């Protein structure tokens, strides 16, 4: 399926929906171009609260983004 066809199918889906939450999330996603690195987590939209997501980011930052030079 071509890129343009995919975009049209998404637009058609949004034209048919009455789900305000879905539209709000899509609008926020399209308007926030400053955080493309967070896109792999899109499967978690709506599952975690904002507080839970912030906690998870903190856990990842503290536990995964440090190098233990003694461990190498």
PDB file of N, CA and C in Angstrom:
ATOM      1  N   UNK A   1       0.841  -1.165   0.000  1.00  0.00           N
ATOM      2  CA  UNK A   1       0.000   0.000   0.000  1.00  0.00           C
ATOM      3  C   UNK A   1       0.892   1.235   0.000  1.00  0.00           C
ATOM      4  N   UNK A   2       0.594   2.178  -0.842  1.00  0.00           N
ATOM      5  CA  UNK A   2       1.435   3.367  -0.960  1.00  0.00           C
ATOM      6  C   UNK A   2       1.255   4.291   0.246  1.00  0.00           C
ATOM      7  N   UNK A   3       2.195   5.145   0.406  1.00  0.00           N
ATOM      8  CA  UNK A   3       2.182   6.119   1.501  1.00  0.00           C
ATOM      9  C   UNK A   3       0.939   6.998   1.408  1.00  0.00           C
ATOM     10  N   UNK A   4       0.636   7.480   0.221  1.00  0.00           N
ATOM     11  CA  UNK A   4      -0.525   8.345   0.017  1.00  0.00           C
ATOM     12  C   UNK A   4      -1.829   7.604   0.308  1.00  0.00           C
ATOM     13  N   UNK A   5      -1.911   6.345  -0.091  1.00  0.00           N
ATOM     14  CA  UNK A   5      -3.107   5.541   0.166  1.00  0.00           C
ATOM     15  C   UNK A   5      -3.304   5.352   1.665  1.00  0.00           C
ATOM     16  N   UNK A   6      -2.215   5.106   2.364  1.00  0.00           N
ATOM     17  CA  UNK A   6      -2.303   4.954   3.822  1.00  0.00           C
ATOM     18  C   UNK A   6      -2.821   6.229   4.468  1.00  0.00           C
ATOM     19  N   UNK A   7      -2.320   7.380   4.040  1.00  0.00           N
ATOM     20  CA  UNK A   7      -2.783   8.647   4.612  1.00  0.00           C
ATOM     21  C   UNK A   7      -4.275   8.838   4.356  1.00  0.00           C
ATOM     22  N   UNK A   8      -4.725   8.528   3.157  1.00  0.00           N
ATOM     23  CA  UNK A   8      -6.139   8.675   2.834  1.00  0.00           C
ATOM     24  C   UNK A   8      -7.015   7.750   3.677  1.00  0.00           C
ATOM     25  N   UNK A   9      -6.556   6.531   3.911  1.00  0.00           N
ATOM     26  CA  UNK A   9      -7.326   5.590   4.739  1.00  0.00           C
ATOM     27  C   UNK A   9      -7.427   6.084   6.177  1.00  0.00           C
ATOM     28  N   UNK A  10      -6.361   6.676   6.678  1.00  0.00           N
ATOM     29  CA  UNK A  10      -6.390   7.237   8.034  1.00  0.00           C
ATOM     30  C   UNK A  10      -7.364   8.398   8.102  1.00  0.00           C
ATOM     31  N   UNK A  11      -7.309   9.273   7.119  1.00  0.00           N
ATOM     32  CA  UNK A  11      -8.233  10.417   7.081  1.00  0.00           C
ATOM     33  C   UNK A  11      -9.678   9.930   7.026  1.00  0.00           C
ATOM     34  N   UNK A  12      -9.948   8.945   6.193  1.00  0.00           N
ATOM     35  CA  UNK A  12     -11.305   8.397   6.099  1.00  0.00           C
ATOM     36  C   UNK A  12     -11.765   7.840   7.440  1.00  0.00           C
ATOM     37  N   UNK A  13     -10.867   7.184   8.152  1.00  0.00           N
ATOM     38  CA  UNK A  13     -11.203   6.644   9.465  1.00  0.00           C
ATOM     39  C   UNK A  13     -11.563   7.737  10.456  1.00  0.00           C
ATOM     40  N   UNK A  14     -10.817   8.827  10.427  1.00  0.00           N
ATOM     41  CA  UNK A  14     -11.109   9.933  11.333  1.00  0.00           C
ATOM     42  C   UNK A  14     -12.414  10.635  10.966  1.00  0.00           C
ATOM     43  N   UNK A  15     -12.738  10.689   9.690  1.00  0.00           N
ATOM     44  CA  UNK A  15     -14.002  11.299   9.290  1.00  0.00           C
ATOM     45  C   UNK A  15     -15.202  10.501   9.805  1.00  0.00           C
ATOM     46  N   UNK A  16     -15.027   9.212   9.996  1.00  0.00           N
ATOM     47  CA  UNK A  16     -16.120   8.341  10.436  1.00  0.00           C
ATOM     48  C   UNK A  16     -16.236   8.231  11.954  1.00  0.00           C
ATOM     49  N   UNK A  17     -15.196   8.597  12.699  1.00  0.00           N
ATOM     50  CA  UNK A  17     -15.195   8.362  14.136  1.00  0.00           C
ATOM     51  C   UNK A  17     -15.959   9.435  14.900  1.00  0.00           C
ATOM     52  N   UNK A  18     -16.498   9.041  16.024  1.00  0.00           N
ATOM     53  CA  UNK A  18     -17.140   9.967  16.959  1.00  0.00           C
ATOM     54  C   UNK A  18     -16.406   9.953  18.297  1.00  0.00           C
ATOM     55  N   UNK A  19     -15.217   9.350  18.310  1.00  0.00           N
ATOM     56  CA  UNK A  19     -14.436   9.205  19.532  1.00  0.00           C
ATOM     57  C   UNK A  19     -13.582  10.461  19.750  1.00  0.00           C
ATOM     58  N   UNK A  20     -14.035  11.323  20.662  1.00  0.00           N
ATOM     59  CA  UNK A  20     -13.335  12.578  20.926  1.00  0.00           C
ATOM     60  C   UNK A  20     -11.918  12.345  21.455  1.00  0.00           C
ATOM     61  N   UNK A  21     -11.762  11.325  22.301  1.00  0.00           N
ATOM     62  CA  UNK A  21     -10.445  11.025  22.863  1.00  0.00           C
ATOM     63  C   UNK A  21      -9.451  10.657  21.761  1.00  0.00           C
ATOM     64  N   UNK A  22      -9.892   9.855  20.824  1.00  0.00           N
ATOM     65  CA  UNK A  22      -9.035   9.467  19.701  1.00  0.00           C
ATOM     66  C   UNK A  22      -8.622  10.691  18.890  1.00  0.00           C
ATOM     67  N   UNK A  23      -9.578  11.561  18.629  1.00  0.00           N
ATOM     68  CA  UNK A  23      -9.264  12.774  17.866  1.00  0.00           C
ATOM     69  C   UNK A  23      -8.309  13.691  18.633  1.00  0.00           C
ATOM     70  N   UNK A  24      -8.533  13.813  19.951  1.00  0.00           N
ATOM     71  CA  UNK A  24      -7.641  14.637  20.770  1.00  0.00           C
ATOM     72  C   UNK A  24      -6.205  14.110  20.729  1.00  0.00           C
ATOM     73  N   UNK A  25      -6.070  12.792  20.839  1.00  0.00           N
ATOM     74  CA  UNK A  25      -4.732  12.189  20.820  1.00  0.00           C
ATOM     75  C   UNK A  25      -4.057  12.357  19.461  1.00  0.00           C
ATOM     76  N   UNK A  26      -4.820  12.170  18.403  1.00  0.00           N
ATOM     77  CA  UNK A  26      -4.260  12.332  17.055  1.00  0.00           C
ATOM     78  C   UNK A  26      -3.835  13.781  16.829  1.00  0.00           C
ATOM     79  N   UNK A  27      -4.671  14.699  17.266  1.00  0.00           N
ATOM     80  CA  UNK A  27      -4.348  16.116  17.109  1.00  0.00           C
ATOM     81  C   UNK A  27      -3.084  16.476  17.887  1.00  0.00           C
ATOM     82  N   UNK A  28      -2.978  15.978  19.110  1.00  0.00           N
ATOM     83  CA  UNK A  28      -1.794  16.243  19.925  1.00  0.00           C
ATOM     84  C   UNK A  28      -0.551  15.652  19.268  1.00  0.00           C
ATOM     85  N   UNK A  29      -0.675  14.462  18.741  1.00  0.00           N
ATOM     86  CA  UNK A  29       0.443  13.804  18.076  1.00  0.00           C
ATOM     87  C   UNK A  29       0.904  14.598  16.855  1.00  0.00           C
ATOM     88  N   UNK A  30      -0.036  15.058  16.072  1.00  0.00           N
ATOM     89  CA  UNK A  30       0.310  15.816  14.868  1.00  0.00           C
ATOM     90  C   UNK A  30       0.882  17.191  15.195  1.00  0.00           C
ATOM     91  N   UNK A  31       0.449  17.777  16.292  1.00  0.00           N
ATOM     92  CA  UNK A  31       0.915  19.116  16.657  1.00  0.00           C
ATOM     93  C   UNK A  31       2.246  19.106  17.390  1.00  0.00           C
ATOM     94  N   UNK A  32       2.639  17.982  17.974  1.00  0.00           N
ATOM     95  CA  UNK A  32       3.866  17.914  18.753  1.00  0.00           C
ATOM     96  C   UNK A  32       4.963  17.236  17.947  1.00  0.00           C
ATOM     97  N   UNK A  33       5.677  18.003  17.187  1.00  0.00           N
ATOM     98  CA  UNK A  33       6.736  17.464  16.338  1.00  0.00           C
ATOM     99  C   UNK A  33       8.087  17.465  17.053  1.00  0.00           C
ATOM    100  N   UNK A  34       8.103  17.879  18.321  1.00  0.00           N
ATOM    101  CA  UNK A  34       9.376  17.987  19.040  1.00  0.00           C
ATOM    102  C   UNK A  34       9.819  16.687  19.680  1.00  0.00           C
ATOM    103  N   UNK A  35       8.955  15.650  19.691  1.00  0.00           N
ATOM    104  CA  UNK A  35       9.306  14.426  20.395  1.00  0.00           C
ATOM    105  C   UNK A  35       9.162  13.187  19.514  1.00  0.00           C
ATOM    106  N   UNK A  36       9.794  13.144  18.356  1.00  0.00           N
ATOM    107  CA  UNK A  36       9.640  11.958  17.513  1.00  0.00           C
ATOM    108  C   UNK A  36      10.248  10.704  18.116  1.00  0.00           C
ATOM    109  N   UNK A  37      11.197  10.842  19.041  1.00  0.00           N
ATOM    110  CA  UNK A  37      11.824   9.671  19.632  1.00  0.00           C
ATOM    111  C   UNK A  37      10.876   8.895  20.536  1.00  0.00           C
ATOM    112  N   UNK A  38       9.762   9.481  20.929  1.00  0.00           N
ATOM    113  CA  UNK A  38       8.820   8.810  21.808  1.00  0.00           C
ATOM    114  C   UNK A  38       7.779   8.004  21.036  1.00  0.00           C
ATOM    115  N   UNK A  39       7.806   8.034  19.739  1.00  0.00           N
ATOM    116  CA  UNK A  39       6.805   7.350  18.950  1.00  0.00           C
ATOM    117  C   UNK A  39       6.723   5.849  19.188  1.00  0.00           C
ATOM    118  N   UNK A  40       7.809   5.122  19.445  1.00  0.00           N
ATOM    119  CA  UNK A  40       7.657   3.683  19.667  1.00  0.00           C
ATOM    120  C   UNK A  40       6.734   3.338  20.829  1.00  0.00           C
ATOM    121  N   UNK A  41       6.491   4.260  21.719  1.00  0.00           N
ATOM    122  CA  UNK A  41       5.612   3.997  22.855  1.00  0.00           C
ATOM    123  C   UNK A  41       4.145   4.253  22.526  1.00  0.00           C
ATOM    124  N   UNK A  42       3.831   4.520  21.277  1.00  0.00           N
ATOM    125  CA  UNK A  42       2.455   4.867  20.932  1.00  0.00           C
ATOM    126  C   UNK A  42       1.460   3.774  21.286  1.00  0.00           C
ATOM    127  N   UNK A  43       1.902   2.539  21.394  1.00  0.00           N
ATOM    128  CA  UNK A  43       1.012   1.454  21.779  1.00  0.00           C
ATOM    129  C   UNK A  43       0.510   1.576  23.209  1.00  0.00           C
ATOM    130  N   UNK A  44       1.127   2.462  23.990  1.00  0.00           N
ATOM    131  CA  UNK A  44       0.723   2.640  25.374  1.00  0.00           C
ATOM    132  C   UNK A  44      -0.214   3.826  25.569  1.00  0.00           C
ATOM    133  N   UNK A  45      -0.575   4.539  24.496  1.00  0.00           N
ATOM    134  CA  UNK A  45      -1.487   5.668  24.626  1.00  0.00           C
ATOM    135  C   UNK A  45      -2.782   5.201  25.270  1.00  0.00           C
ATOM    136  N   UNK A  46      -3.193   5.877  26.309  1.00  0.00           N
ATOM    137  CA  UNK A  46      -4.444   5.546  26.965  1.00  0.00           C
ATOM    138  C   UNK A  46      -4.346   4.456  28.006  1.00  0.00           C
ATOM    139  N   UNK A  47      -3.213   3.772  28.091  1.00  0.00           N
ATOM    140  CA  UNK A  47      -3.058   2.693  29.063  1.00  0.00           C
ATOM    141  C   UNK A  47      -2.530   3.252  30.379  1.00  0.00           C
ATOM    142  N   UNK A  48      -1.520   4.106  30.294  1.00  0.00           N
ATOM    143  CA  UNK A  48      -0.938   4.690  31.498  1.00  0.00           C
ATOM    144  C   UNK A  48      -1.470   6.097  31.696  1.00  0.00           C
ATOM    145  N   UNK A  49      -1.585   6.470  32.955  1.00  0.00           N
ATOM    146  CA  UNK A  49      -1.904   7.867  33.255  1.00  0.00           C
ATOM    147  C   UNK A  49      -0.637   8.687  32.993  1.00  0.00           C
ATOM    148  N   UNK A  50      -0.785   9.983  32.984  1.00  0.00           N
ATOM    149  CA  UNK A  50       0.378  10.844  32.765  1.00  0.00           C
ATOM    150  C   UNK A  50       1.405  10.637  33.880  1.00  0.00           C
ATOM    151  N   UNK A  51       0.915  10.456  35.108  1.00  0.00           N
ATOM    152  CA  UNK A  51       1.821  10.218  36.244  1.00  0.00           C
ATOM    153  C   UNK A  51       2.581   8.913  36.058  1.00  0.00           C
ATOM    154  N   UNK A  52       1.883   7.858  35.647  1.00  0.00           N
ATOM    155  CA  UNK A  52       2.538   6.561  35.438  1.00  0.00           C
ATOM    156  C   UNK A  52       3.570   6.647  34.317  1.00  0.00           C
ATOM    157  N   UNK A  53       3.239   7.360  33.255  1.00  0.00           N
ATOM    158  CA  UNK A  53       4.181   7.518  32.144  1.00  0.00           C
ATOM    159  C   UNK A  53       5.422   8.284  32.594  1.00  0.00           C
ATOM    160  N   UNK A  54       5.233   9.325  33.404  1.00  0.00           N
ATOM    161  CA  UNK A  54       6.374  10.083  33.925  1.00  0.00           C
ATOM    162  C   UNK A  54       7.244   9.215  34.823  1.00  0.00           C
ATOM    163  N   UNK A  55       6.594   8.371  35.640  1.00  0.00           N
ATOM    164  CA  UNK A  55       7.351   7.459  36.504  1.00  0.00           C
ATOM    165  C   UNK A  55       8.173   6.478  35.671  1.00  0.00           C
ATOM    166  N   UNK A  56       7.580   5.960  34.603  1.00  0.00           N
ATOM    167  CA  UNK A  56       8.287   5.014  33.745  1.00  0.00           C
ATOM    168  C   UNK A  56       9.477   5.686  33.061  1.00  0.00           C
ATOM    169  N   UNK A  57       9.296   6.913  32.599  1.00  0.00           N
ATOM    170  CA  UNK A  57      10.408   7.649  31.989  1.00  0.00           C
ATOM    171  C   UNK A  57      11.544   7.831  32.987  1.00  0.00           C
ATOM    172  N   UNK A  58      11.193   8.137  34.231  1.00  0.00           N
ATOM    173  CA  UNK A  58      12.199   8.319  35.273  1.00  0.00           C
ATOM    174  C   UNK A  58      12.946   7.013  35.549  1.00  0.00           C
ATOM    175  N   UNK A  59      12.212   5.917  35.630  1.00  0.00           N
ATOM    176  CA  UNK A  59      12.829   4.606  35.869  1.00  0.00           C
ATOM    177  C   UNK A  59      13.795   4.261  34.739  1.00  0.00           C
ATOM    178  N   UNK A  60      13.371   4.488  33.506  1.00  0.00           N
ATOM    179  CA  UNK A  60      14.227   4.201  32.355  1.00  0.00           C
ATOM    180  C   UNK A  60      15.451   5.097  32.380  1.00  0.00           C
ATOM    181  N   UNK A  61      15.238   6.365  32.673  1.00  0.00           N
ATOM    182  CA  UNK A  61      16.355   7.310  32.711  1.00  0.00           C
ATOM    183  C   UNK A  61      17.381   6.917  33.771  1.00  0.00           C
ATOM    184  N   UNK A  62      16.894   6.534  34.947  1.00  0.00           N
ATOM    185  CA  UNK A  62      17.803   6.178  36.038  1.00  0.00           C
ATOM    186  C   UNK A  62      18.464   4.817  35.840  1.00  0.00           C
ATOM    187  N   UNK A  63      17.726   3.867  35.291  1.00  0.00           N
ATOM    188  CA  UNK A  63      18.237   2.503  35.233  1.00  0.00           C
ATOM    189  C   UNK A  63      18.878   2.089  33.933  1.00  0.00           C
ATOM    190  N   UNK A  64      18.541   2.754  32.864  1.00  0.00           N
ATOM    191  CA  UNK A  64      19.000   2.289  31.557  1.00  0.00           C
ATOM    192  C   UNK A  64      19.957   3.239  30.854  1.00  0.00           C
ATOM    193  N   UNK A  65      20.026   4.450  31.300  1.00  0.00           N
ATOM    194  CA  UNK A  65      20.820   5.424  30.574  1.00  0.00           C
ATOM    195  C   UNK A  65      22.137   5.755  31.261  1.00  0.00           C
ATOM    196  N   UNK A  66      22.566   4.851  32.143  1.00  0.00           N
ATOM    197  CA  UNK A  66      23.840   5.052  32.819  1.00  0.00           C
ATOM    198  C   UNK A  66      24.798   3.941  32.410  1.00  0.00           C
ATOM    199  N   UNK A  67      26.035   4.269  32.332  1.00  0.00           N
ATOM    200  CA  UNK A  67      27.067   3.283  32.013  1.00  0.00           C
ATOM    201  C   UNK A  67      27.860   2.978  33.266  1.00  0.00           C
ATOM    202  N   UNK A  68      27.947   1.705  33.595  1.00  0.00           N
ATOM    203  CA  UNK A  68      28.752   1.268  34.732  1.00  0.00           C
ATOM    204  C   UNK A  68      30.098   0.806  34.148  1.00  0.00           C
ATOM    205  N   UNK A  69      31.105   1.664  34.232  1.00  0.00           N
ATOM    206  CA  UNK A  69      32.407   1.372  33.636  1.00  0.00           C
ATOM    207  C   UNK A  69      33.092   0.188  34.332  1.00  0.00           C
ATOM    208  N   UNK A  70      32.703  -0.129  35.547  1.00  0.00           N
ATOM    209  CA  UNK A  70      33.265  -1.266  36.262  1.00  0.00           C
ATOM    210  C   UNK A  70      32.657  -2.576  35.788  1.00  0.00           C
ATOM    211  N   UNK A  71      31.515  -2.505  35.101  1.00  0.00           N
ATOM    212  CA  UNK A  71      30.811  -3.693  34.664  1.00  0.00           C
ATOM    213  C   UNK A  71      31.326  -4.207  33.321  1.00  0.00           C
ATOM    214  N   UNK A  72      32.116  -3.436  32.639  1.00  0.00           N
ATOM    215  CA  UNK A  72      32.573  -3.824  31.301  1.00  0.00           C
ATOM    216  C   UNK A  72      33.784  -4.662  31.367  1.00  0.00           C
TER     217      UNK A  72
END
